[in-house]
Amino acid sequence: MSVDTNLNRLLLDEMEQLRQEIVTGLQQAGKTATGRTANAIRIAVNGNRAQLEAPSYLLTLETGRAPARSSGDKQQFIENLKAWIVAKGISYKDDNDLQRLAGFFRWYINKLGTKQFRMGERLNIISPAIEKFADKINAKAAELYTIEISNVINSIQ
């Protein structure tokens, strides 16, 4: 097999391991109320390129959310909060009560940020997994190129 083929296989294997480590980290940290975030983490392959695709807020799960003047799409944020409320088993009387509760959480998070952010807690779910991924890729790629260079030198002799 060529170095390029080996590198592509290595990248895909390591990327899948990275994806799984992030999903496992989210589960262990209790950050999978609805499971939508974990399910949205994917590997996209395009020819000889691959990338890890994840929701834009993924790193926020590691550090918490700071106060914000706006939460982007207000209705989508409320819908996400409603799904979270249901998944967490927080009690409410009816759909109107659920809507009010989600609206309150939206206001509170926008005003003060999440408790995780306010307490300065960092969960280290994603960053260490990415660093480990980069280190492994660098080491294994260096090994593949060393073997290839040795093979070329040996074929010349």
Protein backbone atom coordinates (compact mmCIF):
# COMPACT_ATOMS: atom_id res chain seq x y z
CA MET A 1 0.00 0.00 0.00
CA SER A 2 1.13 3.55 -0.69
CA VAL A 3 1.88 6.08 2.02
CA ASP A 4 -1.15 8.11 0.88
CA THR A 5 -3.48 5.11 1.22
CA ASN A 6 -2.04 4.30 4.63
CA LEU A 7 -2.39 7.93 5.73
CA ASN A 8 -6.00 8.11 4.56
CA ARG A 9 -6.85 4.90 6.44
CA LEU A 10 -4.97 6.18 9.50
CA LEU A 11 -6.82 9.51 9.43
CA LEU A 12 -10.23 7.87 9.10
CA ASP A 13 -9.51 5.37 11.88
CA GLU A 14 -8.15 8.01 14.23
CA MET A 15 -10.97 10.41 13.38
CA GLU A 16 -13.54 7.76 14.24
CA GLN A 17 -11.75 7.15 17.52
CA LEU A 18 -11.76 10.94 18.18
CA ARG A 19 -15.50 11.09 17.46
CA GLN A 20 -16.15 8.21 19.83
CA GLU A 21 -13.96 9.75 22.57
CA ILE A 22 -15.89 13.02 22.33
CA VAL A 23 -19.26 11.23 22.45
CA THR A 24 -18.11 9.14 25.43
CA GLY A 25 -16.81 12.27 27.17
CA LEU A 26 -20.16 14.00 26.65
CA GLN A 27 -21.96 10.99 28.11
CA GLN A 28 -19.63 10.74 31.12
CA ALA A 29 -20.04 14.48 31.80
CA GLY A 30 -23.83 14.18 31.67
CA LYS A 31 -24.08 16.39 28.59
CA THR A 32 -26.36 14.12 26.56
CA ALA A 33 -29.88 14.96 27.74
CA THR A 34 -31.53 14.53 24.32
CA GLY A 35 -28.65 12.84 22.46
CA ARG A 36 -28.92 15.26 19.53
CA THR A 37 -25.43 16.71 20.01
CA ALA A 38 -23.74 13.30 20.13
CA ASN A 39 -25.72 12.15 17.09
CA ALA A 40 -24.71 15.29 15.17
CA ILE A 41 -20.97 14.57 15.48
CA ARG A 42 -19.98 12.96 12.18
CA ILE A 43 -17.05 12.31 9.93
CA ALA A 44 -17.50 13.78 6.47
CA VAL A 45 -15.37 12.20 3.74
CA ASN A 46 -14.82 13.96 0.42
CA GLY A 47 -12.35 12.17 -1.83
CA ASN A 48 -9.07 11.96 0.08
CA ARG A 49 -10.17 14.51 2.68
CA ALA A 50 -12.09 13.97 5.88
CA GLN A 51 -13.28 16.30 8.59
CA LEU A 52 -15.10 16.00 11.85
CA GLU A 53 -18.42 17.84 11.70
CA ALA A 54 -20.09 18.93 14.92
CA PRO A 55 -22.60 21.52 16.09
CA SER A 56 -21.15 25.01 16.44
CA TYR A 57 -21.85 25.02 20.18
CA LEU A 58 -19.86 21.85 20.92
CA LEU A 59 -16.99 23.63 22.68
CA THR A 60 -19.54 25.52 24.78
CA LEU A 61 -20.35 22.20 26.44
CA GLU A 62 -16.77 22.14 27.70
CA THR A 63 -16.72 25.67 29.16
CA GLY A 64 -20.36 26.62 29.66
CA ARG A 65 -22.20 29.49 27.99
CA ALA A 66 -21.42 33.10 28.75
CA PRO A 67 -24.19 35.69 29.11
CA ALA A 68 -25.36 37.01 25.75
CA ARG A 69 -27.57 39.83 24.55
CA SER A 70 -29.12 37.44 22.11
CA SER A 71 -29.27 33.70 21.67
CA GLY A 72 -29.37 33.79 17.87
CA ASP A 73 -32.56 32.13 16.69
CA LYS A 74 -34.79 32.78 19.72
CA GLN A 75 -37.43 30.21 18.79
CA GLN A 76 -34.87 27.49 18.07
CA PHE A 77 -33.20 28.14 21.43
CA ILE A 78 -36.58 27.82 23.16
CA GLU A 79 -37.34 24.59 21.26
CA ASN A 80 -33.94 23.20 22.31
CA LEU A 81 -34.61 24.19 25.90
CA LYS A 82 -38.06 22.56 25.79
CA ALA A 83 -36.49 19.29 24.59
CA TRP A 84 -33.87 19.60 27.35
CA ILE A 85 -36.55 20.21 30.02
CA VAL A 86 -38.47 17.13 28.91
CA ALA A 87 -35.31 14.98 28.71
CA LYS A 88 -34.21 16.10 32.18
CA GLY A 89 -37.63 15.25 33.63
CA ILE A 90 -38.28 18.76 34.95
CA SER A 91 -41.96 18.96 35.84
CA TYR A 92 -44.43 21.33 34.21
CA LYS A 93 -48.23 21.44 34.04
CA ASP A 94 -48.99 21.79 30.35
CA ASP A 95 -47.56 23.03 27.03
CA ASN A 96 -48.02 26.67 28.04
CA ASP A 97 -46.13 26.04 31.27
CA LEU A 98 -43.36 24.29 29.29
CA GLN A 99 -43.15 27.30 26.95
CA ARG A 100 -42.91 29.72 29.91
CA LEU A 101 -40.30 27.57 31.62
CA ALA A 102 -38.18 27.41 28.46
CA GLY A 103 -38.57 31.18 28.04
CA PHE A 104 -37.42 31.70 31.63
CA PHE A 105 -34.34 29.48 31.12
CA ARG A 106 -33.54 31.36 27.90
CA TRP A 107 -33.75 34.71 29.71
CA TYR A 108 -31.70 33.42 32.67
CA ILE A 109 -28.93 31.94 30.48
CA ASN A 110 -28.78 35.08 28.34
CA LYS A 111 -28.63 37.27 31.47
CA LEU A 112 -26.20 35.26 33.65
CA GLY A 113 -24.75 32.47 31.53
CA THR A 114 -24.83 28.84 32.57
CA LYS A 115 -23.82 27.73 36.05
CA GLN A 116 -20.82 25.93 34.55
CA PHE A 117 -19.61 29.19 33.00
CA ARG A 118 -20.27 31.24 36.16
CA MET A 119 -18.35 28.71 38.29
CA GLY A 120 -15.46 28.67 35.81
CA GLU A 121 -15.72 24.90 35.38
CA ARG A 122 -13.98 23.35 32.41
CA LEU A 123 -14.99 19.76 31.67
CA ASN A 124 -12.09 18.94 29.32
CA ILE A 125 -14.20 16.72 27.09
CA ILE A 126 -13.13 17.89 23.66
CA SER A 127 -9.77 19.68 23.89
CA PRO A 128 -7.77 16.77 25.37
CA ALA A 129 -9.29 14.36 22.80
CA ILE A 130 -8.24 16.70 19.95
CA GLU A 131 -4.71 17.09 21.37
CA LYS A 132 -4.39 13.30 21.71
CA PHE A 133 -5.65 12.89 18.12
CA ALA A 134 -3.07 15.36 16.79
CA ASP A 135 -0.22 13.71 18.71
CA LYS A 136 -1.18 10.24 17.48
CA ILE A 137 -1.53 11.37 13.86
CA ASN A 138 1.84 13.15 13.95
CA ALA A 139 3.62 10.14 15.46
CA LYS A 140 2.02 7.59 13.13
CA ALA A 141 2.50 9.75 10.02
CA ALA A 142 6.18 10.21 10.92
CA GLU A 143 6.47 6.43 11.29
CA LEU A 144 4.85 5.83 7.88
CA TYR A 145 7.12 8.35 6.16
CA THR A 146 10.20 6.93 7.90
CA ILE A 147 9.34 3.47 6.57
CA GLU A 148 8.72 4.89 3.08
CA ILE A 149 12.01 6.81 3.07
CA SER A 150 13.87 3.69 4.27
CA ASN A 151 12.26 1.65 1.48
CA VAL A 152 13.30 4.23 -1.13
CA ILE A 153 16.88 4.33 0.20
CA ASN A 154 17.06 0.52 0.26
CA SER A 155 15.77 0.29 -3.32
CA ILE A 156 18.52 2.66 -4.49
CA GLN A 157 21.34 0.63 -2.93
